[in-house]
Structures are given as structure tokens and as C-alpha cells.
Amino acid sequence: MTTEDEVLAYIGRRLVDTRVSRGLSQRAAAEIVGLPYMVLGSYERANRKMPVTTLYNIAVGYELSPAFFLPVIVPDGQLYTIPEALRRAAKIVEESYSNG
């Protein structure tokens, strides 16, 4: 069973990865997404619960879907990005066809 803390930590990592991949400082990213930088930092560190409307506004600021930041939780309890989950599912299907 995935805990709330694990989901918040996952979202925080996605926030950091998105910011860093765009070459943004925390202050610059906070300005783009419309939050005080201290608040964005607390979300990135998973020190604060994030309202869904805030996640939506962050996604809009980054021109992404809110789903981009959310994990897909599979039966083994692991958290995956949507592309990772799709690749995993495709591999399972492919293996099941290969094995008869």
C-alpha cells in the first residue's frame, strides 16, 4: 500500500525534475507557477500537502498536464510515471504473448 507521504515525495521529485530540466532556479520557477518560492520549495521537499488546485496551477504554469506530476500506482505498490507504467504494461503483454 502506497502512503500519502510516498505520493507527496513522488510529486515533489517530479516538481524538482521539471524545474531543473528547464534550467530554472526555485525563485524563477515560483514566479512562473505563481507561488512564493518558499511555498514551492516546501512542495518540492514534500513538507506540505498541496491542494489539487495548486497542482493544477503549477501544471498550467509549466504548460503541462496535472497528470504529469502524479504517479501511476500499480499492483506491486510501485510508483511510476505514466510513460513508465505504459512501458511496463506493454512489456508484460509482450511477454505474455511470447510465452504462449
N, C-alpha and C. Protein backbone atom coordinates (compact mmCIF):
# COMPACT_ATOMS: atom_id res chain seq x y z
N MET A 1 0.84 -1.19 0.00
CA MET A 1 0.00 0.00 0.00
C MET A 1 0.88 1.25 0.00
N THR A 2 0.61 2.13 -0.90
CA THR A 2 1.37 3.37 -1.01
C THR A 2 0.83 4.38 -0.01
N THR A 3 1.73 5.03 0.68
CA THR A 3 1.30 6.00 1.68
C THR A 3 1.19 7.40 1.07
N GLU A 4 0.49 8.25 1.78
CA GLU A 4 0.36 9.64 1.34
C GLU A 4 1.73 10.30 1.26
N ASP A 5 2.60 10.01 2.22
CA ASP A 5 3.95 10.59 2.21
C ASP A 5 4.73 10.18 0.97
N GLU A 6 4.56 8.93 0.53
CA GLU A 6 5.25 8.47 -0.68
C GLU A 6 4.75 9.21 -1.91
N VAL A 7 3.45 9.44 -1.98
CA VAL A 7 2.88 10.16 -3.12
C VAL A 7 3.35 11.61 -3.11
N LEU A 8 3.34 12.25 -1.94
CA LEU A 8 3.82 13.63 -1.85
C LEU A 8 5.30 13.73 -2.23
N ALA A 9 6.09 12.75 -1.80
CA ALA A 9 7.52 12.75 -2.16
C ALA A 9 7.69 12.56 -3.66
N TYR A 10 6.89 11.71 -4.27
CA TYR A 10 6.95 11.49 -5.72
C TYR A 10 6.63 12.80 -6.46
N ILE A 11 5.55 13.45 -6.06
CA ILE A 11 5.17 14.72 -6.70
C ILE A 11 6.29 15.74 -6.51
N GLY A 12 6.85 15.79 -5.33
CA GLY A 12 7.96 16.73 -5.08
C GLY A 12 9.14 16.49 -5.99
N ARG A 13 9.49 15.20 -6.19
CA ARG A 13 10.60 14.88 -7.10
C ARG A 13 10.28 15.29 -8.53
N ARG A 14 9.02 15.09 -8.94
CA ARG A 14 8.63 15.50 -10.30
C ARG A 14 8.71 17.02 -10.44
N LEU A 15 8.35 17.74 -9.40
CA LEU A 15 8.45 19.20 -9.43
C LEU A 15 9.91 19.64 -9.59
N VAL A 16 10.78 19.04 -8.79
CA VAL A 16 12.21 19.37 -8.86
C VAL A 16 12.76 19.01 -10.24
N ASP A 17 12.47 17.80 -10.71
CA ASP A 17 12.97 17.35 -12.02
C ASP A 17 12.52 18.29 -13.13
N THR A 18 11.27 18.73 -13.06
CA THR A 18 10.74 19.63 -14.09
C THR A 18 11.46 20.97 -14.04
N ARG A 19 11.61 21.50 -12.86
CA ARG A 19 12.29 22.80 -12.70
C ARG A 19 13.73 22.72 -13.18
N VAL A 20 14.45 21.70 -12.73
CA VAL A 20 15.86 21.55 -13.08
C VAL A 20 16.03 21.31 -14.58
N SER A 21 15.17 20.49 -15.17
CA SER A 21 15.29 20.20 -16.60
C SER A 21 15.08 21.45 -17.45
N ARG A 22 14.40 22.42 -16.89
CA ARG A 22 14.18 23.69 -17.61
C ARG A 22 15.22 24.74 -17.24
N GLY A 23 16.17 24.36 -16.40
CA GLY A 23 17.24 25.27 -16.02
C GLY A 23 16.77 26.43 -15.15
N LEU A 24 15.76 26.20 -14.35
CA LEU A 24 15.17 27.26 -13.54
C LEU A 24 15.63 27.19 -12.09
N SER A 25 15.85 28.35 -11.51
CA SER A 25 16.04 28.41 -10.06
C SER A 25 14.68 28.24 -9.40
N GLN A 26 14.70 28.00 -8.12
CA GLN A 26 13.43 27.88 -7.41
C GLN A 26 12.64 29.19 -7.47
N ARG A 27 13.34 30.30 -7.37
CA ARG A 27 12.67 31.62 -7.45
C ARG A 27 12.04 31.84 -8.82
N ALA A 28 12.77 31.51 -9.88
CA ALA A 28 12.25 31.70 -11.24
C ALA A 28 11.05 30.78 -11.48
N ALA A 29 11.15 29.54 -11.03
CA ALA A 29 10.04 28.60 -11.19
C ALA A 29 8.81 29.07 -10.42
N ALA A 30 9.04 29.55 -9.21
CA ALA A 30 7.93 30.03 -8.38
C ALA A 30 7.20 31.19 -9.06
N GLU A 31 7.95 32.04 -9.70
CA GLU A 31 7.34 33.16 -10.42
C GLU A 31 6.49 32.64 -11.59
N ILE A 32 7.01 31.66 -12.31
CA ILE A 32 6.29 31.09 -13.45
C ILE A 32 4.98 30.44 -13.02
N VAL A 33 5.02 29.71 -11.89
CA VAL A 33 3.83 28.98 -11.46
C VAL A 33 2.96 29.78 -10.50
N GLY A 34 3.40 30.99 -10.14
CA GLY A 34 2.57 31.87 -9.34
C GLY A 34 2.51 31.56 -7.86
N LEU A 35 3.65 31.10 -7.32
CA LEU A 35 3.72 30.80 -5.89
C LEU A 35 4.92 31.50 -5.26
N PRO A 36 4.86 31.78 -3.97
CA PRO A 36 6.08 32.22 -3.29
C PRO A 36 7.13 31.10 -3.35
N TYR A 37 8.39 31.45 -3.52
CA TYR A 37 9.40 30.41 -3.71
C TYR A 37 9.52 29.50 -2.49
N MET A 38 9.27 30.02 -1.30
CA MET A 38 9.33 29.19 -0.10
C MET A 38 8.23 28.12 -0.12
N VAL A 39 7.08 28.47 -0.65
CA VAL A 39 5.96 27.51 -0.75
C VAL A 39 6.30 26.44 -1.78
N LEU A 40 6.80 26.86 -2.94
CA LEU A 40 7.19 25.88 -3.96
C LEU A 40 8.24 24.93 -3.39
N GLY A 41 9.21 25.48 -2.67
CA GLY A 41 10.24 24.64 -2.06
C GLY A 41 9.68 23.63 -1.09
N SER A 42 8.67 24.04 -0.33
CA SER A 42 8.07 23.10 0.62
C SER A 42 7.32 21.99 -0.10
N TYR A 43 6.74 22.28 -1.27
CA TYR A 43 6.10 21.23 -2.08
C TYR A 43 7.16 20.31 -2.67
N GLU A 44 8.26 20.89 -3.14
CA GLU A 44 9.33 20.08 -3.71
C GLU A 44 9.92 19.12 -2.68
N ARG A 45 10.01 19.56 -1.44
CA ARG A 45 10.56 18.73 -0.36
C ARG A 45 9.50 17.84 0.29
N ALA A 46 8.27 17.94 -0.18
CA ALA A 46 7.14 17.17 0.36
C ALA A 46 6.90 17.48 1.83
N ASN A 47 7.14 18.73 2.20
CA ASN A 47 6.91 19.16 3.58
C ASN A 47 5.53 19.74 3.78
N ARG A 48 4.76 19.80 2.72
CA ARG A 48 3.45 20.45 2.78
C ARG A 48 2.51 19.74 1.83
N LYS A 49 1.28 19.53 2.27
CA LYS A 49 0.27 18.97 1.38
C LYS A 49 -0.14 20.03 0.37
N MET A 50 -0.39 19.58 -0.86
CA MET A 50 -0.71 20.50 -1.93
C MET A 50 -2.16 20.34 -2.36
N PRO A 51 -2.93 21.43 -2.32
CA PRO A 51 -4.29 21.34 -2.85
C PRO A 51 -4.26 21.02 -4.34
N VAL A 52 -5.25 20.31 -4.80
CA VAL A 52 -5.31 19.93 -6.21
C VAL A 52 -5.34 21.16 -7.11
N THR A 53 -5.95 22.24 -6.66
CA THR A 53 -5.98 23.46 -7.47
C THR A 53 -4.58 24.05 -7.62
N THR A 54 -3.76 23.90 -6.60
CA THR A 54 -2.37 24.37 -6.70
C THR A 54 -1.60 23.52 -7.69
N LEU A 55 -1.78 22.20 -7.63
CA LEU A 55 -1.12 21.33 -8.60
C LEU A 55 -1.55 21.69 -10.02
N TYR A 56 -2.82 21.96 -10.18
CA TYR A 56 -3.34 22.37 -11.49
C TYR A 56 -2.66 23.67 -11.95
N ASN A 57 -2.57 24.64 -11.07
CA ASN A 57 -1.96 25.93 -11.43
C ASN A 57 -0.47 25.78 -11.74
N ILE A 58 0.22 24.92 -11.02
CA ILE A 58 1.63 24.65 -11.31
C ILE A 58 1.75 24.03 -12.70
N ALA A 59 0.91 23.06 -12.99
CA ALA A 59 0.94 22.40 -14.30
C ALA A 59 0.68 23.41 -15.41
N VAL A 60 -0.29 24.28 -15.22
CA VAL A 60 -0.58 25.31 -16.23
C VAL A 60 0.63 26.22 -16.40
N GLY A 61 1.27 26.61 -15.31
CA GLY A 61 2.46 27.46 -15.39
C GLY A 61 3.58 26.82 -16.19
N TYR A 62 3.73 25.52 -16.06
CA TYR A 62 4.75 24.78 -16.80
C TYR A 62 4.27 24.30 -18.17
N GLU A 63 3.02 24.58 -18.48
CA GLU A 63 2.38 24.14 -19.73
C GLU A 63 2.40 22.62 -19.85
N LEU A 64 2.00 21.97 -18.75
CA LEU A 64 1.92 20.51 -18.68
C LEU A 64 0.54 20.11 -18.17
N SER A 65 0.24 18.86 -18.31
CA SER A 65 -0.98 18.31 -17.71
C SER A 65 -0.71 18.04 -16.23
N PRO A 66 -1.70 18.25 -15.37
CA PRO A 66 -1.50 17.89 -13.96
C PRO A 66 -1.11 16.41 -13.79
N ALA A 67 -1.59 15.56 -14.68
CA ALA A 67 -1.26 14.14 -14.61
C ALA A 67 0.24 13.88 -14.72
N PHE A 68 0.96 14.80 -15.34
CA PHE A 68 2.41 14.67 -15.48
C PHE A 68 3.07 14.52 -14.12
N PHE A 69 2.52 15.16 -13.11
CA PHE A 69 3.14 15.15 -11.78
C PHE A 69 2.65 14.02 -10.89
N LEU A 70 1.61 13.31 -11.32
CA LEU A 70 1.02 12.27 -10.49
C LEU A 70 1.55 10.90 -10.84
N PRO A 71 1.73 10.06 -9.83
CA PRO A 71 2.21 8.71 -10.11
C PRO A 71 1.08 7.80 -10.54
N VAL A 72 1.45 6.77 -11.26
CA VAL A 72 0.55 5.66 -11.54
C VAL A 72 0.96 4.58 -10.54
N ILE A 73 0.01 4.12 -9.76
CA ILE A 73 0.30 3.11 -8.75
C ILE A 73 -0.17 1.77 -9.29
N VAL A 74 0.77 0.86 -9.43
CA VAL A 74 0.46 -0.46 -9.99
C VAL A 74 0.32 -1.47 -8.85
N PRO A 75 -0.23 -2.64 -9.14
CA PRO A 75 -0.49 -3.62 -8.08
C PRO A 75 0.71 -3.97 -7.20
N ASP A 76 1.93 -3.85 -7.73
CA ASP A 76 3.09 -4.18 -6.88
C ASP A 76 3.42 -3.06 -5.90
N GLY A 77 2.63 -1.96 -5.95
CA GLY A 77 2.80 -0.87 -5.00
C GLY A 77 3.84 0.16 -5.40
N GLN A 78 4.48 -0.04 -6.54
CA GLN A 78 5.49 0.90 -7.01
C GLN A 78 4.82 2.12 -7.65
N LEU A 79 5.51 3.23 -7.61
CA LEU A 79 5.02 4.46 -8.24
C LEU A 79 5.77 4.67 -9.54
N TYR A 80 5.02 4.92 -10.62
CA TYR A 80 5.63 5.11 -11.93
C TYR A 80 5.04 6.35 -12.59
N THR A 81 5.81 6.96 -13.47
CA THR A 81 5.24 7.99 -14.33
C THR A 81 4.31 7.29 -15.30
N ILE A 82 3.47 8.04 -15.95
CA ILE A 82 2.55 7.45 -16.92
C ILE A 82 3.32 6.72 -18.03
N PRO A 83 4.36 7.35 -18.64
CA PRO A 83 5.11 6.61 -19.67
C PRO A 83 5.77 5.34 -19.13
N GLU A 84 6.31 5.39 -17.89
CA GLU A 84 6.92 4.20 -17.31
C GLU A 84 5.88 3.10 -17.12
N ALA A 85 4.71 3.47 -16.63
CA ALA A 85 3.64 2.48 -16.42
C ALA A 85 3.20 1.86 -17.73
N LEU A 86 3.10 2.68 -18.78
CA LEU A 86 2.70 2.16 -20.09
C LEU A 86 3.76 1.22 -20.65
N ARG A 87 5.04 1.58 -20.51
CA ARG A 87 6.12 0.69 -20.97
C ARG A 87 6.08 -0.63 -20.20
N ARG A 88 5.86 -0.54 -18.91
CA ARG A 88 5.79 -1.75 -18.07
C ARG A 88 4.63 -2.63 -18.52
N ALA A 89 3.48 -2.03 -18.75
CA ALA A 89 2.31 -2.80 -19.19
C ALA A 89 2.56 -3.43 -20.55
N ALA A 90 3.16 -2.69 -21.48
CA ALA A 90 3.45 -3.22 -22.81
C ALA A 90 4.41 -4.40 -22.72
N LYS A 91 5.39 -4.29 -21.84
CA LYS A 91 6.36 -5.38 -21.68
C LYS A 91 5.66 -6.64 -21.14
N ILE A 92 4.78 -6.45 -20.18
CA ILE A 92 4.05 -7.59 -19.61
C ILE A 92 3.19 -8.26 -20.67
N VAL A 93 2.50 -7.45 -21.48
CA VAL A 93 1.65 -8.00 -22.55
C VAL A 93 2.53 -8.74 -23.57
N GLU A 94 3.64 -8.12 -23.96
CA GLU A 94 4.53 -8.74 -24.93
C GLU A 94 5.06 -10.07 -24.41
N GLU A 95 5.46 -10.12 -23.14
CA GLU A 95 5.96 -11.35 -22.56
C GLU A 95 4.87 -12.42 -22.49
N SER A 96 3.65 -12.01 -22.21
CA SER A 96 2.57 -13.00 -22.13
C SER A 96 2.28 -13.61 -23.51
N TYR A 97 2.40 -12.82 -24.58
CA TYR A 97 2.22 -13.36 -25.93
C TYR A 97 3.39 -14.23 -26.35
N SER A 98 4.59 -13.86 -25.90
CA SER A 98 5.79 -14.64 -26.25
C SER A 98 5.78 -16.01 -25.60
N ASN A 99 5.18 -16.05 -24.42
CA ASN A 99 5.18 -17.31 -23.65
C ASN A 99 3.98 -18.19 -23.97
N GLY A 100 3.25 -17.82 -24.95
CA GLY A 100 2.20 -18.70 -25.41
C GLY A 100 0.87 -18.26 -25.02
